[in-house]
Amino acid sequence: MKKYLMMHKPRMVLNILWILVTIGLQTITSVLLTFSTNAVFSRNIQQLLFWVSVNLLVWLTMLASNYFQAVFQEKLVQAIMVDVRDTISKKIAGQSYADFHQKNVGQYISQYINDASNIEDKAFNNFFQLIADGTAVVFSIAALMAYHFALPLVVILLAAAMLTLPSRLSRSMAQATSQLSQGNETLSNHLTNVLNGFDVLFNANKLGKLQALVHHSAQTYEHTRVDYTRTSERVGNSIGALSVFCQMIVDVVTSILAIAGLIPLGAISSTGNIAATVFNALSRLSNESVQIKATRPLFDKIAVQPTTADQTVTKTEFDHDISVKDVSYSIDGTPILSHLNCHFQKGGKYAIVGKSGAGKSTLLKILDGQITDYTGRVAIDGVDLRQLNHATMTGIAQYIDQNVYLFNDSVANNVSLWTKNMRPQRLQQALQAAAVDFVTTDQQMIDENGKNLSGGQKQRLALARFFYQPKPIVFLDEGTSALDAATAAQVTERFLNDSEITLIEVSHRLTEQMRKQYDQVIML
């Protein structure tokens, strides 16, 4: 938490100073009640009107200050939250392919929305409110000192008792917060899973099942949320009850001092108001302290772990070959590949064929570094694939899947993937190479995941991504399966005729004529 605050240190300091001014004005309004109340007891209307007018002026000033400070603070908190979400993105981007896919997309979305929202409310907003409440306590005790030394002494003793509660309550609150975060992830995960299958349910005339599929998860989340509220309210009410008890004690002490003539009668209205400010602030202070500590698991969850010195090898060029030696891979004990040996020469064209489930796509994913828990050895230019860092593989190889994902953005950004200084001429050449003939302008918008495009059109844009930024190795996993035969042949010819490209392709429709164009056809 401290790290994010210090990233905005000047604005944070200014906001805290602004809070001090606002709380100072609020304390003055309470003190001014003494003078107006004394005017009532002395039956002096002129003084009463004067002090009421002064108090009104201070109130208006305080309210104006509070308004502008609140807006300033919200801008600051939102700037901090941008940094928090940047941290989440950085952690996700730093994951390996396998680590990322251990979670559902809905769980990551929950971090951006639910966890970030809890951090915003429970950590940063509470931090500034804690500053405000702490300032209110200090200023109020100083104001009470002006009446009689016994009042601040009593308040300090009672405050010490109130401040013992947070340490006793923070553990249960932290546990409840962590469980709520997990519940949010689980619900988001399930909702994503169900809603992504809307088309399946629609076409099967099973939309009536949607409510039932969501209902159980909603009930589970209901219990998690109720448990969190139960814990939160128990903490808040415990602190609130002690606050009321302390206020009553101060009221009694103030009344005794007034009866004894040690303080003016008008002080009763002020000290009662000030005491209420102190203990209400203390009750919030205790609760805020508990909630801030309870967000620690959320900060730990999104924290980017420090990495040790990178021991991987970096390669910027593909020079010779890819070798696969005695590679085996299984899923849940079922063998997919068994003691596979093959060799791919730079510039060669290779087709991988075989029946469904033979491990063709699995082999491509191993070669691309997506799957790492295989046995045996895969080497690029003699360097073990596992020793190459992620940037190396994505720099020299491109995996083109048959299942294409398109962003809800322009054609230009979908093809160039937000490359800085995008070159329009290169973009047009890439679109032509991929036979993209359905785009009227490179700023044409694409719906979420290309819902406004056919499967073949989506595959053409995926191929255009490669042609925009070609790499020496292409892993083509049924990347033309949705294209018509003529277009598929046209695109494939571009790969086959480019001597700079090493093509390793999985295909289910390899004709005898096409087989002759490959250096080797590998049967799995």
Protein backbone atom coordinates (compact mmCIF):
# COMPACT_ATOMS: atom_id res chain seq x y z
CA MET A 1 0.00 0.00 0.00
CA LYS A 2 2.79 2.40 0.94
CA LYS A 3 4.42 1.87 -2.45
CA TYR A 4 1.38 3.16 -4.31
CA LEU A 5 0.95 6.18 -2.02
CA MET A 6 4.59 7.19 -2.45
CA MET A 7 4.20 7.07 -6.22
CA HIS A 8 1.93 10.11 -5.78
CA LYS A 9 3.69 11.70 -2.81
CA PRO A 10 3.19 15.43 -3.65
CA ARG A 11 -0.55 15.01 -4.25
CA MET A 12 -0.88 12.77 -1.21
CA VAL A 13 0.80 15.37 1.05
CA LEU A 14 -1.37 18.16 -0.37
CA ASN A 15 -4.49 16.09 0.21
CA ILE A 16 -3.51 15.39 3.83
CA LEU A 17 -2.84 19.11 4.45
CA TRP A 18 -6.22 19.91 2.93
CA ILE A 19 -7.84 17.37 5.26
CA LEU A 20 -6.17 19.09 8.25
CA VAL A 21 -7.62 22.45 7.22
CA THR A 22 -11.13 21.02 6.78
CA ILE A 23 -11.07 19.20 10.13
CA GLY A 24 -9.69 22.32 11.81
CA LEU A 25 -12.65 24.35 10.54
CA GLN A 26 -15.03 21.62 11.72
CA THR A 27 -13.54 21.74 15.24
CA ILE A 28 -13.89 25.53 15.33
CA THR A 29 -17.62 25.23 14.62
CA SER A 30 -18.01 23.06 17.73
CA VAL A 31 -16.06 25.49 19.91
CA LEU A 32 -18.14 28.44 18.68
CA LEU A 33 -21.23 26.75 20.15
CA THR A 34 -19.92 27.73 23.60
CA PHE A 35 -20.20 31.43 22.81
CA SER A 36 -23.67 31.22 21.28
CA THR A 37 -24.91 29.08 24.18
CA ASN A 38 -23.45 31.52 26.72
CA ALA A 39 -25.30 34.31 24.91
CA VAL A 40 -28.53 32.34 25.41
CA PHE A 41 -27.87 31.92 29.16
CA SER A 42 -27.04 35.65 29.44
CA ARG A 43 -30.11 36.51 27.36
CA ASN A 44 -28.05 38.65 24.98
CA ILE A 45 -29.70 38.47 21.54
CA GLN A 46 -27.07 40.68 19.90
CA GLN A 47 -24.22 38.38 20.95
CA LEU A 48 -26.28 35.33 20.00
CA LEU A 49 -26.83 36.61 16.47
CA PHE A 50 -23.17 37.58 16.15
CA TRP A 51 -21.81 34.18 17.18
CA VAL A 52 -24.41 32.31 15.12
CA SER A 53 -23.35 34.38 12.08
CA VAL A 54 -19.68 33.66 12.71
CA ASN A 55 -20.45 29.97 13.11
CA LEU A 56 -22.45 29.97 9.87
CA LEU A 57 -19.57 31.60 8.00
CA VAL A 58 -17.12 28.99 9.31
CA TRP A 59 -19.56 26.21 8.37
CA LEU A 60 -19.91 27.48 4.80
CA THR A 61 -16.13 27.76 4.48
CA MET A 62 -15.72 24.23 5.85
CA LEU A 63 -18.32 22.79 3.47
CA ALA A 64 -16.69 24.45 0.45
CA SER A 65 -13.29 23.16 1.53
CA ASN A 66 -14.71 19.68 2.08
CA TYR A 67 -16.26 19.63 -1.41
CA PHE A 68 -13.10 20.55 -3.30
CA GLN A 69 -10.95 18.31 -1.10
CA ALA A 70 -13.24 15.33 -1.77
CA VAL A 71 -12.99 15.86 -5.54
CA PHE A 72 -9.20 16.23 -5.32
CA GLN A 73 -8.94 13.06 -3.23
CA GLU A 74 -11.09 11.07 -5.67
CA LYS A 75 -8.80 12.05 -8.54
CA LEU A 76 -5.81 10.98 -6.46
CA VAL A 77 -7.35 7.64 -5.48
CA GLN A 78 -8.33 6.86 -9.07
CA ALA A 79 -4.78 7.64 -10.23
CA ILE A 80 -3.52 5.20 -7.59
CA MET A 81 -6.01 2.58 -8.76
CA VAL A 82 -4.65 2.88 -12.30
CA ASP A 83 -1.28 1.90 -10.81
CA VAL A 84 -2.88 -1.01 -8.93
CA ARG A 85 -4.46 -2.37 -12.10
CA ASP A 86 -1.16 -1.84 -13.92
CA THR A 87 0.45 -4.07 -11.28
CA ILE A 88 -2.19 -6.75 -11.89
CA SER A 89 -1.51 -6.52 -15.63
CA LYS A 90 2.25 -6.70 -15.06
CA LYS A 91 1.90 -9.82 -12.94
CA ILE A 92 -0.32 -11.50 -15.53
CA ALA A 93 2.00 -10.51 -18.39
CA GLY A 94 4.94 -11.97 -16.48
CA GLN A 95 3.37 -15.42 -16.24
CA SER A 96 4.29 -18.33 -18.42
CA TYR A 97 1.73 -19.69 -20.86
CA ALA A 98 1.03 -22.66 -18.59
CA ASP A 99 0.76 -20.57 -15.42
CA PHE A 100 -1.71 -18.16 -17.03
CA HIS A 101 -4.00 -20.97 -18.13
CA GLN A 102 -4.17 -22.48 -14.65
CA LYS A 103 -6.91 -19.93 -13.97
CA ASN A 104 -10.04 -19.03 -15.86
CA VAL A 105 -10.29 -15.58 -17.46
CA GLY A 106 -13.15 -14.81 -15.06
CA GLN A 107 -10.75 -15.13 -12.12
CA TYR A 108 -8.41 -12.56 -13.63
CA ILE A 109 -11.33 -10.23 -14.33
CA SER A 110 -12.31 -10.57 -10.67
CA GLN A 111 -8.88 -9.23 -9.69
CA TYR A 112 -9.32 -6.16 -11.89
CA ILE A 113 -12.86 -5.47 -10.65
CA ASN A 114 -13.64 -7.03 -7.27
CA ASP A 115 -10.19 -7.10 -5.67
CA ALA A 116 -9.33 -3.65 -7.02
CA SER A 117 -12.65 -2.27 -5.76
CA ASN A 118 -11.99 -3.67 -2.28
CA ILE A 119 -8.49 -2.21 -2.29
CA GLU A 120 -9.87 1.17 -3.33
CA ASP A 121 -12.57 1.28 -0.66
CA LYS A 122 -11.01 -0.63 2.21
CA ALA A 123 -7.39 0.49 1.81
CA PHE A 124 -6.93 3.87 0.15
CA ASN A 125 -10.26 5.56 0.95
CA ASN A 126 -10.00 4.25 4.49
CA PHE A 127 -6.41 5.52 4.73
CA PHE A 128 -7.43 9.10 4.05
CA GLN A 129 -10.50 8.75 6.26
CA LEU A 130 -8.21 7.44 8.99
CA ILE A 131 -6.08 10.60 8.60
CA ALA A 132 -9.23 12.71 8.87
CA ASP A 133 -10.51 10.87 11.93
CA GLY A 134 -7.10 10.90 13.60
CA THR A 135 -6.86 14.64 13.01
CA ALA A 136 -10.37 15.13 14.41
CA VAL A 137 -9.34 13.31 17.60
CA VAL A 138 -6.18 15.40 18.07
CA PHE A 139 -7.88 18.73 17.33
CA SER A 140 -10.84 17.86 19.54
CA ILE A 141 -8.63 16.90 22.50
CA ALA A 142 -6.76 20.19 22.07
CA ALA A 143 -10.09 22.04 22.09
CA LEU A 144 -11.19 20.24 25.27
CA MET A 145 -7.93 21.30 26.94
CA ALA A 146 -9.11 24.90 26.62
CA TYR A 147 -12.04 24.13 28.93
CA HIS A 148 -10.51 21.95 31.67
CA PHE A 149 -7.54 19.59 31.89
CA ALA A 150 -9.77 16.80 33.21
CA LEU A 151 -11.74 16.53 29.97
CA PRO A 152 -8.86 15.61 27.64
CA LEU A 153 -7.43 13.33 30.34
CA VAL A 154 -10.69 11.36 30.50
CA VAL A 155 -10.93 11.26 26.71
CA ILE A 156 -7.35 10.00 26.32
CA LEU A 157 -7.91 7.19 28.83
CA LEU A 158 -11.11 6.13 27.10
CA ALA A 159 -9.46 6.42 23.68
CA ALA A 160 -6.71 4.05 24.80
CA ALA A 161 -9.37 1.49 25.68
CA MET A 162 -11.04 1.87 22.28
CA LEU A 163 -7.78 1.46 20.39
CA THR A 164 -7.15 -1.98 21.89
CA LEU A 165 -9.98 -3.44 19.83
CA PRO A 166 -8.46 -3.36 16.30
CA SER A 167 -5.66 -5.82 17.07
CA ARG A 168 -8.21 -8.29 18.45
CA LEU A 169 -10.59 -7.97 15.52
CA SER A 170 -8.23 -7.60 12.54
CA ARG A 171 -7.49 -11.33 12.14
CA SER A 172 -11.12 -12.37 11.68
CA MET A 173 -11.71 -9.42 9.33
CA ALA A 174 -8.66 -10.31 7.21
CA GLN A 175 -9.87 -13.91 6.92
CA ALA A 176 -13.35 -12.76 5.90
CA THR A 177 -11.88 -10.40 3.27
CA SER A 178 -9.73 -13.17 1.80
CA GLN A 179 -12.72 -15.53 1.62
CA LEU A 180 -14.81 -12.83 -0.08
CA SER A 181 -12.08 -12.33 -2.68
CA GLN A 182 -12.06 -16.06 -3.42
CA GLY A 183 -15.85 -16.05 -3.61
CA ASN A 184 -15.78 -13.18 -6.12
CA GLU A 185 -13.30 -15.09 -8.28
CA THR A 186 -15.36 -18.27 -8.18
CA LEU A 187 -18.57 -16.45 -9.14
CA SER A 188 -16.88 -14.52 -11.98
CA ASN A 189 -15.31 -17.74 -13.23
CA HIS A 190 -18.64 -19.58 -13.31
CA LEU A 191 -20.54 -16.68 -14.90
CA THR A 192 -17.91 -16.38 -17.63
CA ASN A 193 -18.14 -20.11 -18.29
CA VAL A 194 -21.94 -20.10 -18.54
CA LEU A 195 -22.35 -16.90 -20.58
CA ASN A 196 -19.66 -17.93 -23.07
CA GLY A 197 -21.88 -20.93 -23.80
CA PHE A 198 -24.98 -18.85 -24.58
CA ASP A 199 -24.92 -19.78 -28.28
CA VAL A 200 -24.68 -23.48 -27.43
CA LEU A 201 -27.68 -23.29 -25.11
CA PHE A 202 -29.62 -21.18 -27.61
CA ASN A 203 -29.10 -23.59 -30.51
CA ALA A 204 -29.99 -26.57 -28.32
CA ASN A 205 -33.15 -24.81 -27.06
CA LYS A 206 -31.76 -25.05 -23.53
CA LEU A 207 -31.74 -21.39 -22.47
CA GLY A 208 -34.03 -22.36 -19.62
CA LYS A 209 -30.99 -24.07 -18.07
CA LEU A 210 -29.11 -20.77 -17.83
CA GLN A 211 -30.92 -19.70 -14.66
CA ALA A 212 -30.31 -23.06 -12.99
CA LEU A 213 -26.62 -23.01 -13.91
CA VAL A 214 -26.17 -19.56 -12.36
CA HIS A 215 -28.47 -20.17 -9.38
CA HIS A 216 -26.21 -22.58 -7.48
CA SER A 217 -23.14 -20.33 -7.78
CA ALA A 218 -25.20 -17.32 -6.76
CA GLN A 219 -26.35 -19.17 -3.65
CA THR A 220 -22.78 -20.12 -2.76
CA TYR A 221 -21.69 -16.50 -3.19
CA GLU A 222 -24.67 -15.43 -1.09
CA HIS A 223 -23.33 -17.43 1.87
CA THR A 224 -19.84 -15.98 1.41
CA ARG A 225 -21.17 -12.43 1.27
CA VAL A 226 -23.40 -12.94 4.32
CA ASP A 227 -20.44 -14.35 6.28
CA TYR A 228 -18.39 -11.28 5.35
CA THR A 229 -21.18 -8.90 6.36
CA ARG A 230 -21.69 -10.79 9.63
CA THR A 231 -18.01 -10.38 10.51
CA SER A 232 -17.90 -6.76 9.34
CA GLU A 233 -21.00 -5.77 11.30
CA ARG A 234 -19.78 -7.58 14.41
CA VAL A 235 -16.57 -5.58 14.27
CA GLY A 236 -18.38 -2.29 13.59
CA ASN A 237 -21.03 -2.78 16.29
CA SER A 238 -18.46 -3.79 18.90
CA ILE A 239 -16.56 -0.58 18.27
CA GLY A 240 -19.77 1.48 18.07
CA ALA A 241 -21.08 0.21 21.41
CA LEU A 242 -17.85 1.19 23.15
CA SER A 243 -18.01 4.61 21.47
CA VAL A 244 -21.49 5.33 22.89
CA PHE A 245 -20.38 4.25 26.37
CA CYS A 246 -17.36 6.59 26.23
CA GLN A 247 -19.49 9.54 25.07
CA MET A 248 -21.83 9.08 28.01
CA ILE A 249 -18.91 9.14 30.45
CA VAL A 250 -17.61 12.42 28.97
CA ASP A 251 -21.11 13.94 29.18
CA VAL A 252 -21.27 13.03 32.87
CA VAL A 253 -17.82 14.51 33.59
CA THR A 254 -18.69 17.71 31.68
CA SER A 255 -21.94 18.11 33.61
CA ILE A 256 -20.15 17.67 36.95
CA LEU A 257 -17.56 20.30 36.02
CA ALA A 258 -20.30 22.72 34.94
CA ILE A 259 -22.29 22.17 38.15
CA ALA A 260 -19.10 22.81 40.14
CA GLY A 261 -18.60 26.07 38.26
CA LEU A 262 -15.26 24.96 36.81
CA ILE A 263 -16.40 25.49 33.21
CA PRO A 264 -19.07 27.80 31.75
CA LEU A 265 -22.53 26.38 31.23
CA GLY A 266 -22.24 27.07 27.50
CA ALA A 267 -19.38 24.59 27.35
CA ILE A 268 -21.84 21.72 27.82
CA SER A 269 -23.09 22.05 24.23
CA SER A 270 -19.56 22.33 22.85
CA THR A 271 -17.92 19.57 24.88
CA GLY A 272 -20.77 17.19 24.15
CA ASN A 273 -20.39 17.89 20.44
CA ILE A 274 -16.61 17.60 20.62
CA ALA A 275 -16.78 14.37 22.64
CA ALA A 276 -19.15 12.89 20.06
CA THR A 277 -16.67 13.88 17.36
CA VAL A 278 -13.82 12.22 19.27
CA PHE A 279 -15.49 8.90 19.92
CA ASN A 280 -17.28 8.66 16.60
CA ALA A 281 -13.92 9.32 14.96
CA LEU A 282 -12.27 6.75 17.22
CA SER A 283 -14.91 4.15 16.41
CA ARG A 284 -14.34 4.75 12.70
CA LEU A 285 -10.60 4.86 13.30
CA SER A 286 -10.65 1.42 14.86
CA ASN A 287 -12.83 0.01 12.09
CA GLU A 288 -10.70 1.65 9.40
CA SER A 289 -7.55 0.25 10.94
CA VAL A 290 -9.05 -3.24 10.93
CA GLN A 291 -10.20 -2.95 7.31
CA ILE A 292 -6.86 -1.57 6.10
CA LYS A 293 -5.01 -4.48 7.72
CA ALA A 294 -7.57 -6.87 6.23
CA THR A 295 -6.60 -5.80 2.69
CA ARG A 296 -3.06 -7.12 3.10
CA PRO A 297 -3.97 -10.49 1.52
CA LEU A 298 -5.26 -8.61 -1.54
CA PHE A 299 -2.01 -6.65 -1.93
CA ASP A 300 -0.04 -9.87 -1.47
CA LYS A 301 -2.21 -11.52 -4.12
CA ILE A 302 -1.48 -8.92 -6.81
CA ALA A 303 2.15 -8.27 -5.86
CA VAL A 304 4.72 -8.98 -8.55
CA GLN A 305 7.22 -11.32 -6.94
CA PRO A 306 10.90 -10.35 -7.26
CA THR A 307 12.68 -12.55 -9.73
CA THR A 308 16.12 -14.02 -9.44
CA ALA A 309 18.75 -13.32 -12.06
CA ASP A 310 17.54 -14.56 -15.43
CA GLN A 311 19.39 -17.79 -16.15
CA THR A 312 17.70 -18.32 -19.52
CA VAL A 313 19.35 -17.93 -22.89
CA THR A 314 18.41 -15.16 -25.29
CA LYS A 315 18.49 -15.69 -29.05
CA THR A 316 17.56 -13.09 -31.62
CA GLU A 317 18.10 -15.22 -34.71
CA PHE A 318 17.18 -18.69 -35.91
CA ASP A 319 20.30 -20.03 -37.60
CA HIS A 320 20.22 -23.79 -38.16
CA ASP A 321 17.60 -26.26 -36.98
CA ILE A 322 15.09 -27.57 -34.45
CA SER A 323 15.67 -31.05 -33.08
CA VAL A 324 13.22 -33.23 -31.18
CA LYS A 325 14.77 -36.17 -29.32
CA ASP A 326 12.89 -38.86 -27.41
CA VAL A 327 10.00 -36.52 -26.52
CA SER A 328 7.05 -37.97 -24.60
CA TYR A 329 4.01 -36.23 -23.19
CA SER A 330 0.89 -37.44 -21.41
CA ILE A 331 -2.27 -35.93 -19.95
CA ASP A 332 -3.64 -37.48 -16.76
CA GLY A 333 -1.66 -40.64 -17.45
CA THR A 334 -2.83 -40.95 -21.06
CA PRO A 335 0.12 -40.91 -23.50
CA ILE A 336 -0.20 -38.28 -26.24
CA LEU A 337 3.33 -38.43 -27.64
CA SER A 338 5.71 -41.32 -27.02
CA HIS A 339 9.48 -41.19 -27.65
CA LEU A 340 9.10 -38.90 -30.65
CA ASN A 341 12.17 -38.02 -32.72
CA CYS A 342 12.20 -35.57 -35.62
CA HIS A 343 14.28 -32.80 -37.13
CA PHE A 344 13.39 -29.48 -38.78
CA GLN A 345 15.97 -27.66 -40.89
CA LYS A 346 15.96 -23.88 -41.26
CA GLY A 347 13.94 -22.86 -44.31
CA GLY A 348 12.32 -26.28 -44.56
CA LYS A 349 8.62 -26.95 -45.07
CA TYR A 350 7.09 -29.65 -42.89
CA ALA A 351 3.57 -31.03 -42.63
CA ILE A 352 2.38 -32.97 -39.60
CA VAL A 353 -0.53 -35.32 -40.24
CA GLY A 354 -2.34 -38.03 -38.36
CA LYS A 355 -5.68 -38.99 -36.94
CA SER A 356 -7.50 -36.84 -34.41
CA GLY A 357 -5.91 -37.04 -30.96
CA ALA A 358 -2.56 -38.21 -32.31
CA GLY A 359 -0.78 -35.23 -30.74
CA LYS A 360 -0.26 -32.97 -33.76
CA SER A 361 -1.31 -29.74 -32.03
CA THR A 362 0.43 -30.89 -28.87
CA LEU A 363 3.72 -31.18 -30.76
CA LEU A 364 3.35 -27.65 -32.14
CA LYS A 365 2.64 -26.30 -28.65
CA ILE A 366 5.73 -28.07 -27.31
CA LEU A 367 7.85 -26.60 -30.11
CA ASP A 368 6.39 -23.14 -29.39
CA GLY A 369 7.15 -23.40 -25.67
CA GLN A 370 3.51 -23.40 -24.57
CA ILE A 371 3.83 -26.89 -23.08
CA THR A 372 6.92 -27.47 -20.96
CA ASP A 373 6.14 -30.53 -18.81
CA TYR A 374 7.28 -33.08 -21.40
CA THR A 375 10.15 -35.53 -21.16
CA GLY A 376 12.98 -35.69 -23.66
CA ARG A 377 14.73 -32.77 -25.33
CA VAL A 378 13.76 -30.10 -27.83
CA ALA A 379 16.56 -27.83 -29.02
CA ILE A 380 16.74 -24.78 -31.27
CA ASP A 381 20.20 -24.32 -32.77
CA GLY A 382 21.48 -26.74 -30.14
CA VAL A 383 20.03 -24.77 -27.20
CA ASP A 384 17.51 -26.62 -25.04
CA LEU A 385 14.08 -25.05 -25.54
CA ARG A 386 13.50 -24.91 -21.79
CA GLN A 387 16.57 -22.68 -21.44
CA LEU A 388 15.31 -20.12 -23.93
CA ASN A 389 13.41 -17.24 -22.42
CA HIS A 390 9.88 -16.37 -23.47
CA ALA A 391 10.94 -13.30 -25.44
CA THR A 392 13.22 -15.44 -27.60
CA MET A 393 10.45 -17.77 -28.74
CA THR A 394 7.94 -15.02 -29.45
CA GLY A 395 10.68 -13.11 -31.28
CA ILE A 396 11.63 -15.88 -33.71
CA ALA A 397 8.46 -17.99 -33.94
CA GLN A 398 4.76 -17.40 -34.44
CA TYR A 399 2.00 -19.84 -33.50
CA ILE A 400 -1.11 -19.44 -35.67
CA ASP A 401 -4.09 -21.29 -34.23
CA GLN A 402 -7.30 -22.25 -35.99
CA ASN A 403 -9.23 -20.70 -33.08
CA VAL A 404 -8.58 -17.01 -33.58
CA TYR A 405 -9.19 -14.32 -30.98
CA LEU A 406 -9.91 -10.81 -32.22
CA PHE A 407 -10.10 -7.70 -30.06
CA ASN A 408 -13.00 -5.26 -30.05
CA ASP A 409 -10.89 -2.70 -31.89
CA SER A 410 -9.91 -1.55 -35.36
CA VAL A 411 -8.55 -3.83 -38.07
CA ALA A 412 -5.26 -1.93 -37.87
CA ASN A 413 -4.82 -2.60 -34.15
CA ASN A 414 -5.94 -6.22 -34.49
CA VAL A 415 -3.32 -6.87 -37.15
CA SER A 416 -0.43 -4.72 -35.87
CA LEU A 417 -1.31 -5.43 -32.21
CA TRP A 418 -0.86 -1.77 -31.31
CA THR A 419 2.61 -1.47 -32.81
CA LYS A 420 3.96 2.05 -32.34
CA ASN A 421 4.36 4.02 -35.55
CA MET A 422 2.20 1.57 -37.45
CA ARG A 423 3.06 1.59 -41.15
CA PRO A 424 -0.09 1.75 -43.32
CA GLN A 425 1.68 0.45 -46.43
CA ARG A 426 2.97 -2.63 -44.61
CA LEU A 427 -0.52 -3.17 -43.18
CA GLN A 428 -2.06 -3.15 -46.66
CA GLN A 429 0.57 -5.61 -47.89
CA ALA A 430 -0.17 -7.92 -44.95
CA LEU A 431 -3.91 -7.78 -45.63
CA GLN A 432 -3.34 -8.60 -49.29
CA ALA A 433 -1.00 -11.48 -48.46
CA ALA A 434 -3.67 -12.99 -46.20
CA ALA A 435 -6.38 -12.48 -48.85
CA VAL A 436 -8.30 -10.06 -46.63
CA ASP A 437 -10.75 -8.61 -49.14
CA PHE A 438 -13.62 -7.72 -46.82
CA VAL A 439 -12.07 -4.66 -45.15
CA THR A 440 -12.99 -1.24 -46.51
CA THR A 441 -10.68 0.74 -44.22
CA ASP A 442 -8.00 -0.20 -41.71
CA GLN A 443 -10.02 1.65 -39.06
CA GLN A 444 -13.00 -0.64 -39.57
CA MET A 445 -14.16 -1.86 -36.15
CA ILE A 446 -14.34 -5.51 -35.20
CA ASP A 447 -16.83 -6.72 -32.63
CA GLU A 448 -15.80 -8.63 -29.52
CA ASN A 449 -13.86 -11.71 -30.66
CA GLY A 450 -14.90 -11.00 -34.25
CA LYS A 451 -18.60 -11.73 -33.79
CA ASN A 452 -19.33 -9.73 -36.94
CA LEU A 453 -16.96 -11.91 -39.01
CA SER A 454 -17.03 -15.47 -40.31
CA GLY A 455 -14.54 -18.09 -39.21
CA GLY A 456 -12.64 -17.76 -42.48
CA GLN A 457 -12.45 -13.97 -42.19
CA LYS A 458 -11.10 -14.27 -38.65
CA GLN A 459 -8.42 -16.71 -39.82
CA ARG A 460 -7.37 -14.32 -42.58
CA LEU A 461 -6.81 -11.55 -40.04
CA ALA A 462 -4.76 -13.94 -37.89
CA LEU A 463 -2.61 -14.71 -40.94
CA ALA A 464 -2.32 -10.98 -41.65
CA ARG A 465 -0.81 -10.56 -38.17
CA PHE A 466 2.04 -12.80 -39.25
CA PHE A 467 2.55 -11.12 -42.61
CA TYR A 468 2.62 -7.69 -40.93
CA GLN A 469 5.49 -8.80 -38.69
CA PRO A 470 6.92 -12.00 -40.20
CA LYS A 471 9.13 -14.30 -38.14
CA PRO A 472 11.53 -17.02 -39.30
CA ILE A 473 9.49 -19.90 -37.82
CA VAL A 474 5.77 -20.48 -38.38
CA PHE A 475 3.76 -23.05 -36.43
CA LEU A 476 0.54 -23.25 -38.46
CA ASP A 477 -2.04 -25.25 -36.51
CA GLU A 478 -4.94 -25.71 -38.95
CA GLY A 479 -4.57 -21.99 -39.56
CA THR A 480 -6.37 -22.17 -42.92
CA SER A 481 -9.02 -24.75 -42.00
CA ALA A 482 -11.92 -22.27 -42.28
CA LEU A 483 -10.83 -20.88 -45.65
CA ASP A 484 -12.17 -22.09 -48.95
CA ALA A 485 -9.82 -24.43 -50.81
CA ALA A 486 -8.64 -21.84 -53.33
CA THR A 487 -7.85 -19.18 -50.73
CA ALA A 488 -6.19 -21.72 -48.42
CA ALA A 489 -3.98 -22.88 -51.28
CA GLN A 490 -3.11 -19.28 -52.17
CA VAL A 491 -2.03 -18.45 -48.61
CA THR A 492 -0.15 -21.72 -48.16
CA GLU A 493 1.77 -21.04 -51.39
CA ARG A 494 3.13 -17.85 -49.84
CA PHE A 495 4.58 -19.83 -46.96
CA LEU A 496 5.94 -22.58 -49.20
CA ASN A 497 7.60 -20.19 -51.64
CA ASP A 498 9.34 -18.10 -48.97
CA SER A 499 12.81 -19.57 -48.43
CA GLU A 500 13.31 -17.48 -45.28
CA ILE A 501 10.41 -19.16 -43.48
CA THR A 502 10.59 -22.47 -41.67
CA LEU A 503 7.04 -23.82 -41.91
CA ILE A 504 5.78 -26.53 -39.56
CA GLU A 505 2.11 -27.08 -40.34
CA VAL A 506 -0.66 -29.28 -38.99
CA SER A 507 -3.23 -30.01 -41.67
CA HIS A 508 -6.16 -32.37 -42.17
CA ARG A 509 -6.60 -31.71 -45.88
CA LEU A 510 -3.23 -32.38 -47.41
CA THR A 511 -3.66 -33.57 -51.01
CA GLU A 512 -1.13 -35.76 -52.81
CA GLN A 513 -0.17 -32.79 -54.99
CA MET A 514 0.43 -30.60 -51.94
CA ARG A 515 2.51 -33.30 -50.21
CA LYS A 516 5.13 -32.95 -52.95
CA GLN A 517 5.69 -29.31 -52.00
CA TYR A 518 6.82 -30.16 -48.46
CA ASP A 519 10.32 -31.29 -47.58
CA GLN A 520 8.87 -33.86 -45.20
CA VAL A 521 5.47 -35.11 -44.11
CA ILE A 522 5.55 -36.41 -40.53
CA MET A 523 2.92 -38.98 -39.65
CA LEU A 524 1.86 -39.23 -35.99
